[in-house]
Amino acid sequence: MQKCRLSRTPKTFAVFALVAISSAMFPIAARAGAQVEEKLAPSVVVGLARAVADNPVPRDYLNRADVRAWITQMSPRLASHFPDDDARTDFLATVHYEATRAGLDPQLVLGVIHHESDFRKYAISSADARGFMQVMPFWVRLIGKADQNLFQLRTNLRYGCTILRYYLDAEKGDVFRALGRYNGSLGQPDYPMAVMAAMKRYQPIPFVAPVKTAATMQSQ
């Protein structure tokens, strides 16, 4: 994958630092709904807590051919959100790993992030949902640890994917209803339809092997 490097002048670093500090101090508003806090059975709490326990992306994950191929296709589509090539690769590798780990389609997760936060790390909604996947803070109290930061990439995606998987299981595989519960708008079509529309933007292009004709076989 071709590297795309930005000029690292002192002025550039100063601008990046100002943007990072501003984002942390003044989180960007997002349009997420409010997931509904519900009373969970003790067995469910244990299972979800185990699922969000810290477990970083394996160091050799990028060496997998299927992962590299997926990132190569997705990377140009996110270049405007992540100008730095390394940051974009890290983001996509984390999305792929966390989605796959939770048994979710990575394109579905990208669709959720696209609609929930527009790929903004420090996005926060009027309901206090936070980060890329707009996770409600009450989830940390219910199934996590107080020191877990929902603005941290892996933590946010781990929670978001775990919660979406929980809703998908609760709805017996009905993605439409699971997305409604994730957004706190169950029964309303706008959010699920918007996520599914966004999901289509990130569908990988299937590889089609070139057809060998008699002429091409003879030339070989």
Protein backbone atom coordinates (compact mmCIF):
# COMPACT_ATOMS: atom_id res chain seq x y z
CA MET A 1 0.00 0.00 0.00
CA GLN A 2 1.47 3.33 -1.08
CA LYS A 3 2.43 5.63 1.75
CA CYS A 4 1.02 9.13 1.83
CA ARG A 5 3.07 11.41 4.05
CA LEU A 6 2.31 14.94 5.20
CA SER A 7 4.95 17.58 5.59
CA ARG A 8 5.97 17.56 9.24
CA THR A 9 6.92 21.22 9.72
CA PRO A 10 6.74 22.86 13.18
CA LYS A 11 3.71 24.80 11.94
CA THR A 12 2.00 21.56 10.91
CA PHE A 13 2.62 19.98 14.31
CA ALA A 14 1.26 23.10 16.00
CA VAL A 15 -1.96 22.90 13.95
CA PHE A 16 -2.37 19.16 14.71
CA ALA A 17 -1.80 19.77 18.41
CA LEU A 18 -4.34 22.62 18.47
CA VAL A 19 -6.97 20.45 16.74
CA ALA A 20 -6.36 17.56 19.17
CA ILE A 21 -6.55 19.81 22.23
CA SER A 22 -9.65 21.59 20.95
CA SER A 23 -11.38 18.27 20.23
CA ALA A 24 -10.62 16.96 23.71
CA MET A 25 -11.76 20.17 25.44
CA PHE A 26 -14.77 20.83 23.23
CA PRO A 27 -16.12 17.50 21.93
CA ILE A 28 -17.75 17.69 18.52
CA ALA A 29 -21.52 17.31 18.57
CA ALA A 30 -22.92 14.13 17.04
CA ARG A 31 -26.42 13.17 16.02
CA ALA A 32 -26.72 9.87 17.89
CA GLY A 33 -29.83 8.89 19.74
CA ALA A 34 -29.92 7.62 23.29
CA GLN A 35 -29.49 3.91 23.91
CA VAL A 36 -31.89 2.81 26.60
CA GLU A 37 -30.32 1.59 29.81
CA GLU A 38 -31.92 -1.67 30.78
CA LYS A 39 -31.62 -4.06 33.67
CA LEU A 40 -29.36 -6.91 32.63
CA ALA A 41 -29.38 -10.43 34.04
CA PRO A 42 -26.22 -11.26 36.03
CA SER A 43 -25.21 -13.87 33.45
CA VAL A 44 -25.52 -11.29 30.67
CA VAL A 45 -23.41 -8.80 32.62
CA VAL A 46 -20.68 -11.41 33.08
CA GLY A 47 -20.71 -12.30 29.39
CA LEU A 48 -20.60 -8.68 28.21
CA ALA A 49 -17.91 -7.78 30.75
CA ARG A 50 -15.78 -10.63 29.45
CA ALA A 51 -16.36 -9.43 25.90
CA VAL A 52 -15.14 -5.88 26.59
CA ALA A 53 -12.10 -6.96 28.61
CA ASP A 54 -8.96 -5.44 27.13
CA ASN A 55 -7.47 -7.60 24.41
CA PRO A 56 -5.45 -5.63 21.84
CA VAL A 57 -5.26 -6.32 18.13
CA PRO A 58 -2.69 -9.14 17.59
CA ARG A 59 0.64 -7.81 16.35
CA ASP A 60 0.59 -10.02 13.28
CA TYR A 61 -3.00 -9.16 12.35
CA LEU A 62 -1.95 -6.99 9.42
CA ASN A 63 0.04 -9.90 7.99
CA ARG A 64 -3.16 -11.73 7.13
CA ALA A 65 -3.80 -11.54 3.40
CA ASP A 66 -7.55 -11.01 3.78
CA VAL A 67 -7.06 -8.18 6.26
CA ARG A 68 -4.47 -6.43 4.08
CA ALA A 69 -6.73 -6.75 1.04
CA TRP A 70 -9.69 -5.29 2.94
CA ILE A 71 -7.67 -2.37 4.29
CA THR A 72 -6.25 -1.66 0.82
CA GLN A 73 -9.81 -1.30 -0.52
CA MET A 74 -11.17 0.72 2.41
CA SER A 75 -8.19 3.04 2.86
CA PRO A 76 -8.85 5.42 -0.08
CA ARG A 77 -12.46 5.83 1.04
CA LEU A 78 -11.38 7.14 4.44
CA ALA A 79 -8.47 9.31 3.29
CA SER A 80 -10.41 12.52 3.89
CA HIS A 81 -11.16 11.49 7.49
CA PHE A 82 -7.68 10.15 8.28
CA PRO A 83 -5.07 11.96 6.15
CA ASP A 84 -2.21 10.15 7.88
CA ASP A 85 -1.65 6.72 6.32
CA ASP A 86 -0.52 5.04 9.55
CA ALA A 87 -3.45 6.38 11.56
CA ARG A 88 -5.86 5.25 8.85
CA THR A 89 -4.36 1.77 8.74
CA ASP A 90 -4.51 1.48 12.54
CA PHE A 91 -8.14 2.57 12.55
CA LEU A 92 -9.17 0.13 9.83
CA ALA A 93 -7.24 -2.77 11.38
CA THR A 94 -9.00 -2.11 14.69
CA VAL A 95 -12.41 -1.89 13.02
CA HIS A 96 -11.84 -5.16 11.17
CA TYR A 97 -10.53 -6.97 14.25
CA GLU A 98 -13.25 -5.77 16.65
CA ALA A 99 -16.06 -6.37 14.15
CA THR A 100 -14.81 -9.85 13.29
CA ARG A 101 -14.22 -10.66 16.95
CA ALA A 102 -17.85 -9.77 17.69
CA GLY A 103 -19.14 -11.69 14.67
CA LEU A 104 -20.18 -8.52 12.83
CA ASP A 105 -19.71 -7.45 9.24
CA PRO A 106 -16.92 -4.80 9.23
CA GLN A 107 -18.94 -2.87 6.63
CA LEU A 108 -21.85 -2.67 9.08
CA VAL A 109 -19.52 -1.22 11.72
CA LEU A 110 -18.19 1.34 9.24
CA GLY A 111 -21.79 2.24 8.40
CA VAL A 112 -22.57 2.82 12.09
CA ILE A 113 -19.46 4.95 12.58
CA HIS A 114 -20.17 6.92 9.40
CA HIS A 115 -23.68 7.83 10.53
CA GLU A 116 -23.09 8.11 14.28
CA SER A 117 -19.93 10.25 14.41
CA ASP A 118 -18.73 10.79 10.84
CA PHE A 119 -15.44 9.17 11.94
CA ARG A 120 -14.77 11.77 14.64
CA LYS A 121 -12.92 10.37 17.63
CA TYR A 122 -14.11 12.98 20.11
CA ALA A 123 -17.72 13.26 18.92
CA ILE A 124 -20.30 13.53 21.68
CA SER A 125 -24.08 13.66 21.34
CA SER A 126 -26.65 15.66 23.24
CA ALA A 127 -27.45 12.40 25.06
CA ASP A 128 -23.73 12.09 26.06
CA ALA A 129 -22.96 9.18 23.70
CA ARG A 130 -19.25 9.24 22.95
CA GLY A 131 -16.62 8.50 20.37
CA PHE A 132 -16.61 6.78 17.00
CA MET A 133 -19.52 4.43 17.74
CA GLN A 134 -21.31 6.81 20.10
CA VAL A 135 -21.33 4.57 23.16
CA MET A 136 -23.38 5.68 26.16
CA PRO A 137 -21.29 6.04 29.35
CA PHE A 138 -23.67 3.92 31.41
CA TRP A 139 -22.26 0.86 29.65
CA VAL A 140 -18.91 1.38 31.37
CA ARG A 141 -20.68 1.34 34.73
CA LEU A 142 -22.71 -1.75 33.83
CA ILE A 143 -20.08 -4.00 32.25
CA GLY A 144 -16.71 -2.26 32.35
CA LYS A 145 -14.19 -0.50 34.55
CA ALA A 146 -14.20 3.11 35.69
CA ASP A 147 -10.83 3.86 34.09
CA GLN A 148 -11.93 2.83 30.58
CA ASN A 149 -12.00 5.80 28.22
CA LEU A 150 -14.71 5.76 25.53
CA PHE A 151 -12.72 8.24 23.46
CA GLN A 152 -9.92 5.70 23.08
CA LEU A 153 -10.10 3.93 19.71
CA ARG A 154 -9.96 0.28 20.75
CA THR A 155 -12.11 0.79 23.86
CA ASN A 156 -14.82 2.57 21.89
CA LEU A 157 -14.92 -0.01 19.12
CA ARG A 158 -14.78 -2.89 21.59
CA TYR A 159 -17.80 -1.54 23.45
CA GLY A 160 -19.69 -0.53 20.32
CA CYS A 161 -19.25 -3.90 18.62
CA THR A 162 -20.07 -5.82 21.80
CA ILE A 163 -23.26 -3.83 22.37
CA LEU A 164 -24.38 -4.14 18.76
CA ARG A 165 -23.74 -7.90 18.89
CA TYR A 166 -25.79 -8.11 22.10
CA TYR A 167 -28.72 -6.32 20.45
CA LEU A 168 -28.39 -8.45 17.32
CA ASP A 169 -28.58 -11.62 19.41
CA ALA A 170 -31.52 -10.23 21.41
CA GLU A 171 -33.34 -9.51 18.15
CA LYS A 172 -32.54 -12.98 16.75
CA GLY A 173 -30.39 -11.66 13.93
CA ASP A 174 -32.72 -8.87 12.83
CA VAL A 175 -30.23 -6.15 11.85
CA PHE A 176 -32.96 -3.54 11.35
CA ARG A 177 -34.28 -3.92 14.90
CA ALA A 178 -30.80 -4.29 16.41
CA LEU A 179 -29.75 -0.97 14.89
CA GLY A 180 -32.92 0.63 16.22
CA ARG A 181 -32.07 -0.53 19.73
CA TYR A 182 -28.47 0.57 19.35
CA ASN A 183 -29.63 4.08 18.51
CA GLY A 184 -32.50 4.13 21.00
CA SER A 185 -35.03 4.51 18.20
CA LEU A 186 -36.51 1.03 17.97
CA GLY A 187 -39.54 0.96 15.70
CA GLN A 188 -38.50 4.00 13.68
CA PRO A 189 -37.01 3.37 10.23
CA ASP A 190 -34.82 6.45 9.77
CA TYR A 191 -31.72 5.31 11.67
CA PRO A 192 -31.49 1.70 10.41
CA MET A 193 -32.07 2.84 6.83
CA ALA A 194 -29.40 5.54 7.13
CA VAL A 195 -26.83 3.09 8.52
CA MET A 196 -27.60 0.53 5.83
CA ALA A 197 -27.26 3.20 3.15
CA ALA A 198 -23.90 4.24 4.61
CA MET A 199 -22.85 0.60 4.79
CA LYS A 200 -23.20 0.30 1.01
CA ARG A 201 -20.54 2.97 0.56
CA TYR A 202 -17.98 0.64 2.08
CA GLN A 203 -18.78 -2.58 0.29
CA PRO A 204 -15.53 -4.08 -1.05
CA ILE A 205 -15.25 -4.64 -4.76
CA PRO A 206 -15.13 -8.40 -5.43
CA PHE A 207 -11.99 -9.65 -7.12
CA VAL A 208 -12.75 -11.08 -10.54
CA ALA A 209 -10.02 -13.20 -12.09
CA PRO A 210 -9.31 -12.32 -15.73
CA VAL A 211 -10.91 -14.70 -18.19
CA LYS A 212 -8.37 -16.66 -20.17
CA THR A 213 -9.15 -16.86 -23.86
CA ALA A 214 -7.50 -19.04 -26.43
CA ALA A 215 -5.47 -16.04 -27.62
CA THR A 216 -4.15 -15.17 -24.16
CA MET A 217 -3.33 -18.81 -23.44
CA GLN A 218 -1.34 -19.05 -26.67
CA SER A 219 0.57 -15.86 -25.83
CA GLN A 220 1.62 -17.41 -22.56
